């Protein structure tokens, strides 16, 4: 992927699958909280994003409890977290719905963090990536587990210009905390 004059600024879409959730009896899927492992992994994801210089200007998060708890633990790792939009469309969304949410992001946002669920997030990453650095595409195709982070980069004047095959998958990370 090469920059062209007038193509717009470099933008990054950082996709984060929520951390590991619990499966308590009698709790609706939307209301499931994070499991112990998820509560350990989410702060690690926040530190990975900071260390990778991938702090967002805006976060868009599913309204599911496990996604919101992931956001709270991730963003607590940063000095000043960016604004967050809780969007019910991200829960159980497929690629067209997720892309619609991304297309609504204001043009002043250069780095967007999207926190949601599989299989939609994995499919979104694979759909948007026209290419990937190293073996990043193979990593996502093989598995996009809980607490996985994918970073897509592209040039554009607005988020509406982001389309299938137009981004470069520049990195994939999986946050894992240590058991105590």
C-alpha atoms as a PDB file:
ATOM      1  CA  UNK A   1       0.000   0.000   0.000  1.00  0.00           C
ATOM      2  CA  UNK A   2       1.463   3.333  -0.973  1.00  0.00           C
ATOM      3  CA  UNK A   3       0.364   6.839  -0.178  1.00  0.00           C
ATOM      4  CA  UNK A   4      -0.836   9.083  -2.953  1.00  0.00           C
ATOM      5  CA  UNK A   5      -0.906  12.857  -2.723  1.00  0.00           C
ATOM      6  CA  UNK A   6      -4.415  14.032  -2.015  1.00  0.00           C
ATOM      7  CA  UNK A   7      -5.526  10.573  -0.869  1.00  0.00           C
ATOM      8  CA  UNK A   8      -6.148  11.848   2.635  1.00  0.00           C
ATOM      9  CA  UNK A   9      -4.510  11.140   5.970  1.00  0.00           C
ATOM     10  CA  UNK A  10      -3.368   7.749   7.165  1.00  0.00           C
ATOM     11  CA  UNK A  11      -6.223   6.236   9.129  1.00  0.00           C
ATOM     12  CA  UNK A  12      -6.228   3.173  11.351  1.00  0.00           C
ATOM     13  CA  UNK A  13      -9.074   0.897  12.285  1.00  0.00           C
ATOM     14  CA  UNK A  14      -8.132  -1.054  15.402  1.00  0.00           C
ATOM     15  CA  UNK A  15     -10.420  -4.061  15.814  1.00  0.00           C
ATOM     16  CA  UNK A  16     -10.600  -5.659  19.265  1.00  0.00           C
ATOM     17  CA  UNK A  17     -12.575  -8.786  20.002  1.00  0.00           C
ATOM     18  CA  UNK A  18     -13.954  -8.619  23.552  1.00  0.00           C
ATOM     19  CA  UNK A  19     -12.047 -10.482  26.257  1.00  0.00           C
ATOM     20  CA  UNK A  20     -13.046 -13.979  27.412  1.00  0.00           C
ATOM     21  CA  UNK A  21     -16.566 -14.073  28.804  1.00  0.00           C
ATOM     22  CA  UNK A  22     -18.255 -16.207  31.425  1.00  0.00           C
ATOM     23  CA  UNK A  23     -21.279 -18.429  30.748  1.00  0.00           C
ATOM     24  CA  UNK A  24     -23.399 -18.115  33.905  1.00  0.00           C
ATOM     25  CA  UNK A  25     -26.609 -20.156  33.971  1.00  0.00           C
ATOM     26  CA  UNK A  26     -29.766 -18.243  33.195  1.00  0.00           C
ATOM     27  CA  UNK A  27     -27.963 -15.134  31.883  1.00  0.00           C
ATOM     28  CA  UNK A  28     -28.905 -13.889  28.411  1.00  0.00           C
ATOM     29  CA  UNK A  29     -26.042 -13.749  25.903  1.00  0.00           C
ATOM     30  CA  UNK A  30     -26.069  -9.940  25.769  1.00  0.00           C
ATOM     31  CA  UNK A  31     -25.698  -9.776  29.566  1.00  0.00           C
ATOM     32  CA  UNK A  32     -22.789 -12.224  29.965  1.00  0.00           C
ATOM     33  CA  UNK A  33     -19.879 -10.680  31.942  1.00  0.00           C
ATOM     34  CA  UNK A  34     -16.164 -11.258  31.545  1.00  0.00           C
ATOM     35  CA  UNK A  35     -14.624 -14.390  33.009  1.00  0.00           C
ATOM     36  CA  UNK A  36     -11.565 -14.197  35.252  1.00  0.00           C
ATOM     37  CA  UNK A  37      -9.301 -14.711  32.246  1.00  0.00           C
ATOM     38  CA  UNK A  38     -11.072 -11.881  30.445  1.00  0.00           C
ATOM     39  CA  UNK A  39     -10.533  -9.554  33.391  1.00  0.00           C
ATOM     40  CA  UNK A  40      -6.810 -10.437  33.263  1.00  0.00           C
ATOM     41  CA  UNK A  41      -6.485 -10.153  29.460  1.00  0.00           C
ATOM     42  CA  UNK A  42      -8.313  -6.858  28.843  1.00  0.00           C
ATOM     43  CA  UNK A  43      -5.807  -4.635  30.726  1.00  0.00           C
ATOM     44  CA  UNK A  44      -3.012  -6.346  28.773  1.00  0.00           C
ATOM     45  CA  UNK A  45      -4.813  -5.350  25.555  1.00  0.00           C
ATOM     46  CA  UNK A  46      -4.845  -1.748  26.738  1.00  0.00           C
ATOM     47  CA  UNK A  47      -1.125  -1.834  27.446  1.00  0.00           C
ATOM     48  CA  UNK A  48      -0.419  -3.469  24.063  1.00  0.00           C
ATOM     49  CA  UNK A  49      -2.327  -0.726  22.262  1.00  0.00           C
ATOM     50  CA  UNK A  50      -0.397   1.962  24.146  1.00  0.00           C
ATOM     51  CA  UNK A  51       2.969   0.282  23.508  1.00  0.00           C
ATOM     52  CA  UNK A  52       2.103  -0.096  19.802  1.00  0.00           C
ATOM     53  CA  UNK A  53       1.142   3.586  19.491  1.00  0.00           C
ATOM     54  CA  UNK A  54      -2.415   2.552  18.605  1.00  0.00           C
ATOM     55  CA  UNK A  55      -4.361   4.711  21.020  1.00  0.00           C
ATOM     56  CA  UNK A  56      -7.660   5.686  19.421  1.00  0.00           C
ATOM     57  CA  UNK A  57      -9.260   9.084  18.953  1.00  0.00           C
ATOM     58  CA  UNK A  58     -12.653   7.409  19.368  1.00  0.00           C
ATOM     59  CA  UNK A  59     -13.923   3.986  20.453  1.00  0.00           C
ATOM     60  CA  UNK A  60     -17.115   2.347  19.232  1.00  0.00           C
ATOM     61  CA  UNK A  61     -18.208  -0.518  21.441  1.00  0.00           C
ATOM     62  CA  UNK A  62     -20.939  -3.139  21.416  1.00  0.00           C
ATOM     63  CA  UNK A  63     -23.549  -2.711  24.135  1.00  0.00           C
ATOM     64  CA  UNK A  64     -23.024  -6.299  25.360  1.00  0.00           C
ATOM     65  CA  UNK A  65     -21.803  -6.433  28.965  1.00  0.00           C
ATOM     66  CA  UNK A  66     -18.618  -8.352  28.077  1.00  0.00           C
ATOM     67  CA  UNK A  67     -17.669  -5.759  25.417  1.00  0.00           C
ATOM     68  CA  UNK A  68     -18.364  -2.810  27.736  1.00  0.00           C
ATOM     69  CA  UNK A  69     -16.314  -4.424  30.525  1.00  0.00           C
ATOM     70  CA  UNK A  70     -13.498  -5.024  28.025  1.00  0.00           C
ATOM     71  CA  UNK A  71     -13.569  -1.333  27.076  1.00  0.00           C
ATOM     72  CA  UNK A  72     -13.494  -0.223  30.716  1.00  0.00           C
ATOM     73  CA  UNK A  73     -10.470  -2.411  31.535  1.00  0.00           C
ATOM     74  CA  UNK A  74      -8.624  -1.552  28.293  1.00  0.00           C
ATOM     75  CA  UNK A  75      -9.130   2.206  28.542  1.00  0.00           C
ATOM     76  CA  UNK A  76      -8.194   2.250  32.248  1.00  0.00           C
ATOM     77  CA  UNK A  77      -4.610   1.596  31.082  1.00  0.00           C
ATOM     78  CA  UNK A  78      -4.371   5.013  29.394  1.00  0.00           C
ATOM     79  CA  UNK A  79      -3.939   8.433  30.947  1.00  0.00           C
ATOM     80  CA  UNK A  80      -6.932  10.011  29.239  1.00  0.00           C
ATOM     81  CA  UNK A  81      -9.245   7.626  27.414  1.00  0.00           C
ATOM     82  CA  UNK A  82     -10.931   8.876  24.250  1.00  0.00           C
ATOM     83  CA  UNK A  83     -14.687   9.224  23.947  1.00  0.00           C
ATOM     84  CA  UNK A  84     -16.633   5.983  23.547  1.00  0.00           C
ATOM     85  CA  UNK A  85     -19.867   5.364  21.677  1.00  0.00           C
ATOM     86  CA  UNK A  86     -21.897   2.381  22.774  1.00  0.00           C
ATOM     87  CA  UNK A  87     -23.630   1.140  19.636  1.00  0.00           C
ATOM     88  CA  UNK A  88     -26.195  -1.687  19.783  1.00  0.00           C
ATOM     89  CA  UNK A  89     -25.620  -2.398  16.075  1.00  0.00           C
ATOM     90  CA  UNK A  90     -22.152  -3.808  16.851  1.00  0.00           C
ATOM     91  CA  UNK A  91     -23.633  -6.673  18.908  1.00  0.00           C
ATOM     92  CA  UNK A  92     -23.950  -9.813  16.730  1.00  0.00           C
ATOM     93  CA  UNK A  93     -23.286  -7.692  13.634  1.00  0.00           C
ATOM     94  CA  UNK A  94     -22.187  -8.957  10.261  1.00  0.00           C
ATOM     95  CA  UNK A  95     -19.801  -7.110   7.933  1.00  0.00           C
ATOM     96  CA  UNK A  96     -22.364  -4.776   6.281  1.00  0.00           C
ATOM     97  CA  UNK A  97     -23.630  -3.526   9.670  1.00  0.00           C
ATOM     98  CA  UNK A  98     -20.105  -3.111  11.052  1.00  0.00           C
ATOM     99  CA  UNK A  99     -18.990  -1.225   7.948  1.00  0.00           C
ATOM    100  CA  UNK A 100     -22.048   1.023   8.224  1.00  0.00           C
ATOM    101  CA  UNK A 101     -21.068   1.886  11.809  1.00  0.00           C
ATOM    102  CA  UNK A 102     -17.475   2.648  10.734  1.00  0.00           C
ATOM    103  CA  UNK A 103     -18.657   4.788   7.816  1.00  0.00           C
ATOM    104  CA  UNK A 104     -20.430   7.110  10.285  1.00  0.00           C
ATOM    105  CA  UNK A 105     -17.219   8.024  12.112  1.00  0.00           C
ATOM    106  CA  UNK A 106     -16.391  11.748  11.856  1.00  0.00           C
ATOM    107  CA  UNK A 107     -13.505  12.630   9.501  1.00  0.00           C
ATOM    108  CA  UNK A 108     -11.419  14.206  12.288  1.00  0.00           C
ATOM    109  CA  UNK A 109     -10.967  10.728  13.832  1.00  0.00           C
ATOM    110  CA  UNK A 110      -7.751   9.206  12.490  1.00  0.00           C
ATOM    111  CA  UNK A 111      -7.606   6.096  14.708  1.00  0.00           C
ATOM    112  CA  UNK A 112     -10.810   4.250  15.577  1.00  0.00           C
ATOM    113  CA  UNK A 113     -11.103   1.374  18.051  1.00  0.00           C
ATOM    114  CA  UNK A 114     -13.989  -1.011  17.338  1.00  0.00           C
ATOM    115  CA  UNK A 115     -14.826  -3.469  20.148  1.00  0.00           C
ATOM    116  CA  UNK A 116     -17.198  -6.287  19.327  1.00  0.00           C
ATOM    117  CA  UNK A 117     -17.732  -9.939  18.604  1.00  0.00           C
ATOM    118  CA  UNK A 118     -16.914 -12.811  16.301  1.00  0.00           C
ATOM    119  CA  UNK A 119     -17.540 -13.959  13.675  1.00  0.00           C
ATOM    120  CA  UNK A 120     -18.331 -10.436  12.454  1.00  0.00           C
ATOM    121  CA  UNK A 121     -15.055  -8.794  13.488  1.00  0.00           C
ATOM    122  CA  UNK A 122     -12.878 -11.496  11.953  1.00  0.00           C
ATOM    123  CA  UNK A 123     -14.862 -11.319   8.706  1.00  0.00           C
ATOM    124  CA  UNK A 124     -14.621  -7.504   8.693  1.00  0.00           C
ATOM    125  CA  UNK A 125     -10.827  -7.615   9.037  1.00  0.00           C
ATOM    126  CA  UNK A 126     -10.488 -10.171   6.239  1.00  0.00           C
ATOM    127  CA  UNK A 127     -12.921  -8.264   4.024  1.00  0.00           C
ATOM    128  CA  UNK A 128     -11.201  -4.891   4.412  1.00  0.00           C
ATOM    129  CA  UNK A 129      -7.607  -6.141   4.128  1.00  0.00           C
ATOM    130  CA  UNK A 130      -6.412  -6.059   0.552  1.00  0.00           C
ATOM    131  CA  UNK A 131      -3.051  -7.232   1.854  1.00  0.00           C
ATOM    132  CA  UNK A 132      -1.228  -7.854   5.095  1.00  0.00           C
ATOM    133  CA  UNK A 133       2.269  -7.464   6.468  1.00  0.00           C
ATOM    134  CA  UNK A 134       4.142 -10.697   7.081  1.00  0.00           C
ATOM    135  CA  UNK A 135       1.685 -13.498   7.923  1.00  0.00           C
ATOM    136  CA  UNK A 136      -1.001 -11.313   9.526  1.00  0.00           C
ATOM    137  CA  UNK A 137      -3.768 -12.403   7.147  1.00  0.00           C
ATOM    138  CA  UNK A 138      -3.005 -16.073   7.807  1.00  0.00           C
ATOM    139  CA  UNK A 139      -3.074 -15.404  11.565  1.00  0.00           C
ATOM    140  CA  UNK A 140      -6.573 -13.918  11.353  1.00  0.00           C
ATOM    141  CA  UNK A 141      -7.795 -16.668   9.010  1.00  0.00           C
ATOM    142  CA  UNK A 142      -6.489 -19.319  11.415  1.00  0.00           C
ATOM    143  CA  UNK A 143      -8.000 -17.852  14.576  1.00  0.00           C
ATOM    144  CA  UNK A 144      -9.165 -14.493  15.915  1.00  0.00           C
ATOM    145  CA  UNK A 145      -9.577 -15.408  19.595  1.00  0.00           C
ATOM    146  CA  UNK A 146     -10.932 -13.361  22.476  1.00  0.00           C
ATOM    147  CA  UNK A 147      -8.720 -10.341  23.237  1.00  0.00           C
ATOM    148  CA  UNK A 148      -7.341 -10.398  19.685  1.00  0.00           C
ATOM    149  CA  UNK A 149      -6.402  -7.059  18.148  1.00  0.00           C
ATOM    150  CA  UNK A 150      -6.087  -6.362  14.410  1.00  0.00           C
ATOM    151  CA  UNK A 151      -4.759  -3.063  13.065  1.00  0.00           C
ATOM    152  CA  UNK A 152      -5.823  -1.981   9.577  1.00  0.00           C
ATOM    153  CA  UNK A 153      -4.274   1.084   7.929  1.00  0.00           C
ATOM    154  CA  UNK A 154      -5.471   2.997   4.876  1.00  0.00           C
ATOM    155  CA  UNK A 155      -5.503   6.474   3.373  1.00  0.00           C
ATOM    156  CA  UNK A 156      -8.752   8.356   2.993  1.00  0.00           C
ATOM    157  CA  UNK A 157     -10.400  11.718   3.439  1.00  0.00           C
ATOM    158  CA  UNK A 158     -13.420  10.196   5.217  1.00  0.00           C
ATOM    159  CA  UNK A 159     -14.301   6.890   6.871  1.00  0.00           C
ATOM    160  CA  UNK A 160     -16.969   6.397   4.224  1.00  0.00           C
ATOM    161  CA  UNK A 161     -14.144   5.718   1.733  1.00  0.00           C
ATOM    162  CA  UNK A 162     -13.098   2.555   3.592  1.00  0.00           C
ATOM    163  CA  UNK A 163     -14.161  -0.335   1.384  1.00  0.00           C
ATOM    164  CA  UNK A 164     -13.384  -4.028   0.946  1.00  0.00           C
ATOM    165  CA  UNK A 165      -9.777  -4.619  -0.048  1.00  0.00           C
ATOM    166  CA  UNK A 166      -8.625  -1.029   0.565  1.00  0.00           C
ATOM    167  CA  UNK A 167      -6.739  -1.470   3.862  1.00  0.00           C
ATOM    168  CA  UNK A 168      -3.436  -3.023   4.839  1.00  0.00           C
ATOM    169  CA  UNK A 169      -3.442  -5.357   7.838  1.00  0.00           C
ATOM    170  CA  UNK A 170      -0.365  -4.057   9.649  1.00  0.00           C
ATOM    171  CA  UNK A 171      -0.524  -6.035  12.871  1.00  0.00           C
ATOM    172  CA  UNK A 172      -2.237  -8.747  14.866  1.00  0.00           C
ATOM    173  CA  UNK A 173      -1.798  -9.208  18.611  1.00  0.00           C
ATOM    174  CA  UNK A 174      -3.472 -11.386  21.224  1.00  0.00           C
ATOM    175  CA  UNK A 175      -3.519 -10.084  24.781  1.00  0.00           C
ATOM    176  CA  UNK A 176      -2.986 -12.686  27.483  1.00  0.00           C
ATOM    177  CA  UNK A 177      -2.601 -11.881  31.168  1.00  0.00           C
ATOM    178  CA  UNK A 178      -0.820 -14.088  33.670  1.00  0.00           C
ATOM    179  CA  UNK A 179      -2.736 -16.162  36.195  1.00  0.00           C
ATOM    180  CA  UNK A 180      -2.104 -15.157  39.778  1.00  0.00           C
END
